[in-house]
PDB file of N, CA and C in Angstrom:
ATOM      1  N   MET A   1      13.771 -53.737 -13.242  1.00  0.00           N
ATOM      2  CA  MET A   1      12.586 -52.817 -12.723  1.00  0.00           C
ATOM      3  C   MET A   1      11.753 -52.539 -14.088  1.00  0.00           C
ATOM      4  N   SER A   2      10.475 -52.736 -14.086  1.00  0.00           N
ATOM      5  CA  SER A   2       9.646 -52.531 -15.225  1.00  0.00           C
ATOM      6  C   SER A   2       9.399 -50.938 -15.269  1.00  0.00           C
ATOM      7  N   MET A   3       8.845 -50.721 -16.432  1.00  0.00           N
ATOM      8  CA  MET A   3       8.578 -49.352 -16.684  1.00  0.00           C
ATOM      9  C   MET A   3       7.384 -48.867 -16.072  1.00  0.00           C
ATOM     10  N   THR A   4       6.306 -49.764 -15.835  1.00  0.00           N
ATOM     11  CA  THR A   4       5.198 -49.199 -15.107  1.00  0.00           C
ATOM     12  C   THR A   4       5.533 -49.131 -13.621  1.00  0.00           C
ATOM     13  N   CYS A   5       6.422 -49.783 -13.059  1.00  0.00           N
ATOM     14  CA  CYS A   5       6.774 -49.661 -11.790  1.00  0.00           C
ATOM     15  C   CYS A   5       7.465 -48.485 -11.465  1.00  0.00           C
ATOM     16  N   GLN A   6       8.528 -48.196 -12.361  1.00  0.00           N
ATOM     17  CA  GLN A   6       9.104 -46.855 -12.248  1.00  0.00           C
ATOM     18  C   GLN A   6       8.218 -45.589 -12.309  1.00  0.00           C
ATOM     19  N   ARG A   7       7.294 -45.796 -13.251  1.00  0.00           N
ATOM     20  CA  ARG A   7       6.505 -44.563 -13.546  1.00  0.00           C
ATOM     21  C   ARG A   7       5.496 -44.445 -12.171  1.00  0.00           C
ATOM     22  N   GLU A   8       5.026 -45.511 -11.518  1.00  0.00           N
ATOM     23  CA  GLU A   8       4.219 -45.424 -10.354  1.00  0.00           C
ATOM     24  C   GLU A   8       5.088 -44.898  -9.263  1.00  0.00           C
ATOM     25  N   LEU A   9       6.459 -45.132  -9.095  1.00  0.00           N
ATOM     26  CA  LEU A   9       7.294 -44.658  -8.220  1.00  0.00           C
ATOM     27  C   LEU A   9       7.600 -43.250  -8.480  1.00  0.00           C
ATOM     28  N   LEU A  10       7.540 -42.844  -9.565  1.00  0.00           N
ATOM     29  CA  LEU A  10       7.862 -41.367 -10.037  1.00  0.00           C
ATOM     30  C   LEU A  10       6.439 -40.493  -9.504  1.00  0.00           C
ATOM     31  N   GLU A  11       5.292 -41.028  -9.927  1.00  0.00           N
ATOM     32  CA  GLU A  11       3.979 -40.406  -9.498  1.00  0.00           C
ATOM     33  C   GLU A  11       3.993 -40.399  -7.972  1.00  0.00           C
ATOM     34  N   LEU A  12       4.455 -41.452  -7.347  1.00  0.00           N
ATOM     35  CA  LEU A  12       4.242 -41.372  -5.898  1.00  0.00           C
ATOM     36  C   LEU A  12       5.258 -40.270  -5.273  1.00  0.00           C
ATOM     37  N   GLY A  13       6.496 -40.387  -5.925  1.00  0.00           N
ATOM     38  CA  GLY A  13       7.490 -39.113  -5.459  1.00  0.00           C
ATOM     39  C   GLY A  13       6.919 -37.844  -5.879  1.00  0.00           C
ATOM     40  N   GLY A  14       6.124 -37.493  -6.747  1.00  0.00           N
ATOM     41  CA  GLY A  14       5.658 -36.329  -7.049  1.00  0.00           C
ATOM     42  C   GLY A  14       4.464 -35.852  -6.060  1.00  0.00           C
ATOM     43  N   VAL A  15       3.814 -36.986  -5.589  1.00  0.00           N
ATOM     44  CA  VAL A  15       2.631 -36.617  -4.675  1.00  0.00           C
ATOM     45  C   VAL A  15       3.185 -36.355  -3.426  1.00  0.00           C
ATOM     46  N   MET A  16       4.371 -37.127  -3.007  1.00  0.00           N
ATOM     47  CA  MET A  16       5.011 -36.915  -1.844  1.00  0.00           C
ATOM     48  C   MET A  16       5.618 -35.532  -1.670  1.00  0.00           C
ATOM     49  N   LEU A  17       6.128 -35.193  -2.753  1.00  0.00           N
ATOM     50  CA  LEU A  17       6.913 -33.744  -2.897  1.00  0.00           C
ATOM     51  C   LEU A  17       5.761 -32.768  -2.846  1.00  0.00           C
ATOM     52  N   GLU A  18       4.606 -32.746  -3.281  1.00  0.00           N
ATOM     53  CA  GLU A  18       3.503 -31.845  -3.165  1.00  0.00           C
ATOM     54  C   GLU A  18       2.976 -31.927  -1.836  1.00  0.00           C
ATOM     55  N   PHE A  19       2.715 -33.080  -1.119  1.00  0.00           N
ATOM     56  CA  PHE A  19       2.413 -33.132   0.108  1.00  0.00           C
ATOM     57  C   PHE A  19       3.418 -32.443   1.071  1.00  0.00           C
ATOM     58  N   TYR A  20       4.779 -32.656   0.818  1.00  0.00           N
ATOM     59  CA  TYR A  20       5.872 -31.931   1.617  1.00  0.00           C
ATOM     60  C   TYR A  20       5.712 -30.474   1.364  1.00  0.00           C
ATOM     61  N   GLY A  21       5.413 -30.103   0.226  1.00  0.00           N
ATOM     62  CA  GLY A  21       5.464 -28.603  -0.006  1.00  0.00           C
ATOM     63  C   GLY A  21       4.104 -27.985   0.942  1.00  0.00           C
ATOM     64  N   VAL A  22       3.047 -28.593   0.949  1.00  0.00           N
ATOM     65  CA  VAL A  22       1.921 -28.225   1.569  1.00  0.00           C
ATOM     66  C   VAL A  22       2.155 -28.166   3.087  1.00  0.00           C
ATOM     67  N   MET A  23       2.999 -29.260   3.579  1.00  0.00           N
ATOM     68  CA  MET A  23       3.320 -29.240   4.960  1.00  0.00           C
ATOM     69  C   MET A  23       4.201 -28.227   5.434  1.00  0.00           C
ATOM     70  N   LEU A  24       5.207 -27.909   4.444  1.00  0.00           N
ATOM     71  CA  LEU A  24       6.097 -26.745   4.821  1.00  0.00           C
ATOM     72  C   LEU A  24       5.367 -25.367   4.755  1.00  0.00           C
ATOM     73  N   GLU A  25       4.544 -25.134   4.000  1.00  0.00           N
ATOM     74  CA  GLU A  25       3.304 -24.079   3.801  1.00  0.00           C
ATOM     75  C   GLU A  25       2.701 -23.961   5.176  1.00  0.00           C
ATOM     76  N   PHE A  26       2.255 -25.106   5.492  1.00  0.00           N
ATOM     77  CA  PHE A  26       1.329 -25.036   6.854  1.00  0.00           C
ATOM     78  C   PHE A  26       2.343 -24.812   8.078  1.00  0.00           C
ATOM     79  N   GLY A  27       3.519 -25.312   8.055  1.00  0.00           N
ATOM     80  CA  GLY A  27       4.412 -24.994   9.095  1.00  0.00           C
ATOM     81  C   GLY A  27       4.702 -23.498   9.215  1.00  0.00           C
ATOM     82  N   GLU A  28       4.813 -22.929   7.928  1.00  0.00           N
ATOM     83  CA  GLU A  28       5.339 -21.587   7.858  1.00  0.00           C
ATOM     84  C   GLU A  28       4.062 -20.710   8.566  1.00  0.00           C
ATOM     85  N   VAL A  29       2.935 -21.140   8.196  1.00  0.00           N
ATOM     86  CA  VAL A  29       1.677 -20.463   8.728  1.00  0.00           C
ATOM     87  C   VAL A  29       1.642 -20.702  10.169  1.00  0.00           C
ATOM     88  N   MET A  30       1.953 -21.780  10.690  1.00  0.00           N
ATOM     89  CA  MET A  30       1.925 -22.117  12.072  1.00  0.00           C
ATOM     90  C   MET A  30       2.943 -21.292  13.016  1.00  0.00           C
ATOM     91  N   LEU A  31       4.204 -21.181  12.191  1.00  0.00           N
ATOM     92  CA  LEU A  31       5.348 -20.265  12.725  1.00  0.00           C
ATOM     93  C   LEU A  31       4.835 -18.821  12.966  1.00  0.00           C
ATOM     94  N   GLU A  32       4.205 -18.235  11.813  1.00  0.00           N
ATOM     95  CA  GLU A  32       3.745 -16.963  12.020  1.00  0.00           C
ATOM     96  C   GLU A  32       2.854 -16.807  12.821  1.00  0.00           C
ATOM     97  N   PHE A  33       1.789 -17.773  13.098  1.00  0.00           N
ATOM     98  CA  PHE A  33       0.605 -17.684  14.052  1.00  0.00           C
ATOM     99  C   PHE A  33       1.497 -17.658  15.432  1.00  0.00           C
ATOM    100  N   GLY A  34       2.305 -18.719  15.599  1.00  0.00           N
ATOM    101  CA  GLY A  34       3.031 -18.688  17.132  1.00  0.00           C
ATOM    102  C   GLY A  34       3.748 -17.349  17.464  1.00  0.00           C
ATOM    103  N   LEU A  35       4.343 -16.760  16.339  1.00  0.00           N
ATOM    104  CA  LEU A  35       5.031 -15.613  16.540  1.00  0.00           C
ATOM    105  C   LEU A  35       3.988 -14.333  16.921  1.00  0.00           C
ATOM    106  N   GLY A  36       2.886 -14.486  16.274  1.00  0.00           N
ATOM    107  CA  GLY A  36       1.824 -13.443  16.722  1.00  0.00           C
ATOM    108  C   GLY A  36       1.345 -13.679  18.159  1.00  0.00           C
ATOM    109  N   MET A  37       1.216 -14.992  18.451  1.00  0.00           N
ATOM    110  CA  MET A  37       0.788 -15.303  19.713  1.00  0.00           C
ATOM    111  C   MET A  37       1.729 -14.834  20.797  1.00  0.00           C
ATOM    112  N   LEU A  38       3.092 -15.007  20.464  1.00  0.00           N
ATOM    113  CA  LEU A  38       4.120 -14.501  21.420  1.00  0.00           C
ATOM    114  C   LEU A  38       4.069 -13.046  21.427  1.00  0.00           C
ATOM    115  N   GLU A  39       3.922 -12.134  20.483  1.00  0.00           N
ATOM    116  CA  GLU A  39       3.844 -10.932  20.460  1.00  0.00           C
ATOM    117  C   GLU A  39       2.544 -10.444  21.333  1.00  0.00           C
ATOM    118  N   PHE A  40       1.536 -11.020  21.089  1.00  0.00           N
ATOM    119  CA  PHE A  40       0.280 -10.818  21.847  1.00  0.00           C
ATOM    120  C   PHE A  40       0.349 -11.024  23.360  1.00  0.00           C
ATOM    121  N   ASP A  41       0.988 -12.100  23.626  1.00  0.00           N
ATOM    122  CA  ASP A  41       1.383 -12.458  25.037  1.00  0.00           C
ATOM    123  C   ASP A  41       2.304 -11.255  25.758  1.00  0.00           C
ATOM    124  N   GLY A  42       3.061 -10.798  24.837  1.00  0.00           N
ATOM    125  CA  GLY A  42       4.024  -9.755  25.277  1.00  0.00           C
ATOM    126  C   GLY A  42       3.361  -8.478  25.706  1.00  0.00           C
ATOM    127  N   VAL A  43       2.385  -8.177  24.795  1.00  0.00           N
ATOM    128  CA  VAL A  43       1.462  -6.965  24.919  1.00  0.00           C
ATOM    129  C   VAL A  43       0.676  -7.144  26.088  1.00  0.00           C
ATOM    130  N   MET A  44       0.184  -8.229  26.349  1.00  0.00           N
ATOM    131  CA  MET A  44      -0.758  -8.363  27.495  1.00  0.00           C
ATOM    132  C   MET A  44       0.168  -8.498  28.730  1.00  0.00           C
ATOM    133  N   LEU A  45       1.263  -9.090  28.719  1.00  0.00           N
ATOM    134  CA  LEU A  45       2.058  -8.899  29.874  1.00  0.00           C
ATOM    135  C   LEU A  45       2.620  -7.515  30.365  1.00  0.00           C
ATOM    136  N   ILE A  46       2.932  -6.793  29.338  1.00  0.00           N
ATOM    137  CA  ILE A  46       3.271  -5.435  29.487  1.00  0.00           C
ATOM    138  C   ILE A  46       2.181  -4.648  30.083  1.00  0.00           C
ATOM    139  N   SER A  47       0.969  -4.727  29.522  1.00  0.00           N
ATOM    140  CA  SER A  47      -0.285  -3.957  29.885  1.00  0.00           C
ATOM    141  C   SER A  47      -0.674  -4.592  31.364  1.00  0.00           C
ATOM    142  N   GLY A  48      -0.660  -5.774  31.582  1.00  0.00           N
ATOM    143  CA  GLY A  48      -0.975  -6.448  32.888  1.00  0.00           C
ATOM    144  C   GLY A  48      -0.008  -5.831  33.979  1.00  0.00           C
ATOM    145  N   LEU A  49       1.318  -5.796  33.671  1.00  0.00           N
ATOM    146  CA  LEU A  49       2.224  -5.293  34.518  1.00  0.00           C
ATOM    147  C   LEU A  49       1.986  -3.819  34.921  1.00  0.00           C
ATOM    148  N   SER A  50       1.465  -2.957  33.851  1.00  0.00           N
ATOM    149  CA  SER A  50       1.368  -1.486  34.200  1.00  0.00           C
ATOM    150  C   SER A  50       0.269  -1.367  34.939  1.00  0.00           C
ATOM    151  N   THR A  51      -0.937  -2.093  34.511  1.00  0.00           N
ATOM    152  CA  THR A  51      -1.985  -1.783  35.271  1.00  0.00           C
ATOM    153  C   THR A  51      -1.981  -2.519  36.821  1.00  0.00           C
ATOM    154  N   HIS A  52      -0.992  -3.501  36.823  1.00  0.00           N
ATOM    155  CA  HIS A  52      -0.759  -4.085  38.276  1.00  0.00           C
ATOM    156  C   HIS A  52      -0.161  -2.992  39.055  1.00  0.00           C
ATOM    157  N   GLN A  53       0.816  -2.198  38.444  1.00  0.00           N
ATOM    158  CA  GLN A  53       1.733  -1.180  39.189  1.00  0.00           C
ATOM    159  C   GLN A  53       0.611   0.023  39.735  1.00  0.00           C
ATOM    160  N   LYS A  54      -0.165   0.282  38.930  1.00  0.00           N
ATOM    161  CA  LYS A  54      -1.186   1.342  39.158  1.00  0.00           C
ATOM    162  C   LYS A  54      -2.091   0.922  40.297  1.00  0.00           C
ATOM    163  N   SER A  55      -2.649  -0.261  40.257  1.00  0.00           N
ATOM    164  CA  SER A  55      -3.590  -0.757  41.283  1.00  0.00           C
ATOM    165  C   SER A  55      -2.796  -0.978  42.558  1.00  0.00           C
ATOM    166  N   THR A  56      -1.488  -1.195  42.687  1.00  0.00           N
ATOM    167  CA  THR A  56      -0.694  -1.337  43.893  1.00  0.00           C
ATOM    168  C   THR A  56      -0.332   0.128  44.522  1.00  0.00           C
ATOM    169  N   GLY A  57      -0.566   1.052  43.637  1.00  0.00           N
ATOM    170  CA  GLY A  57      -0.043   2.366  44.118  1.00  0.00           C
ATOM    171  C   GLY A  57       1.664   2.340  43.775  1.00  0.00           C
ATOM    172  N   GLY A  58       1.996   1.600  42.736  1.00  0.00           N
ATOM    173  CA  GLY A  58       3.425   1.739  42.503  1.00  0.00           C
ATOM    174  C   GLY A  58       3.736   3.097  41.642  1.00  0.00           C
ATOM    175  N   PRO A  59       4.946   3.203  40.969  1.00  0.00           N
ATOM    176  CA  PRO A  59       5.244   4.368  40.241  1.00  0.00           C
ATOM    177  C   PRO A  59       4.448   4.236  38.892  1.00  0.00           C
TER     178      PRO A  59
END
């Protein structure tokens, strides 16, 4: 294997690692966003249930 080929492979590996790091950060942001959406859904569900109980004359 020639030196230029090895250098190109190393550069490509570095680019792939950077890309992978960005993808990991993006995944982390998406996870936090998903958790936030779940919490929001839970709050909406609880408030929806409580208003539903009031409207039907429940406890």
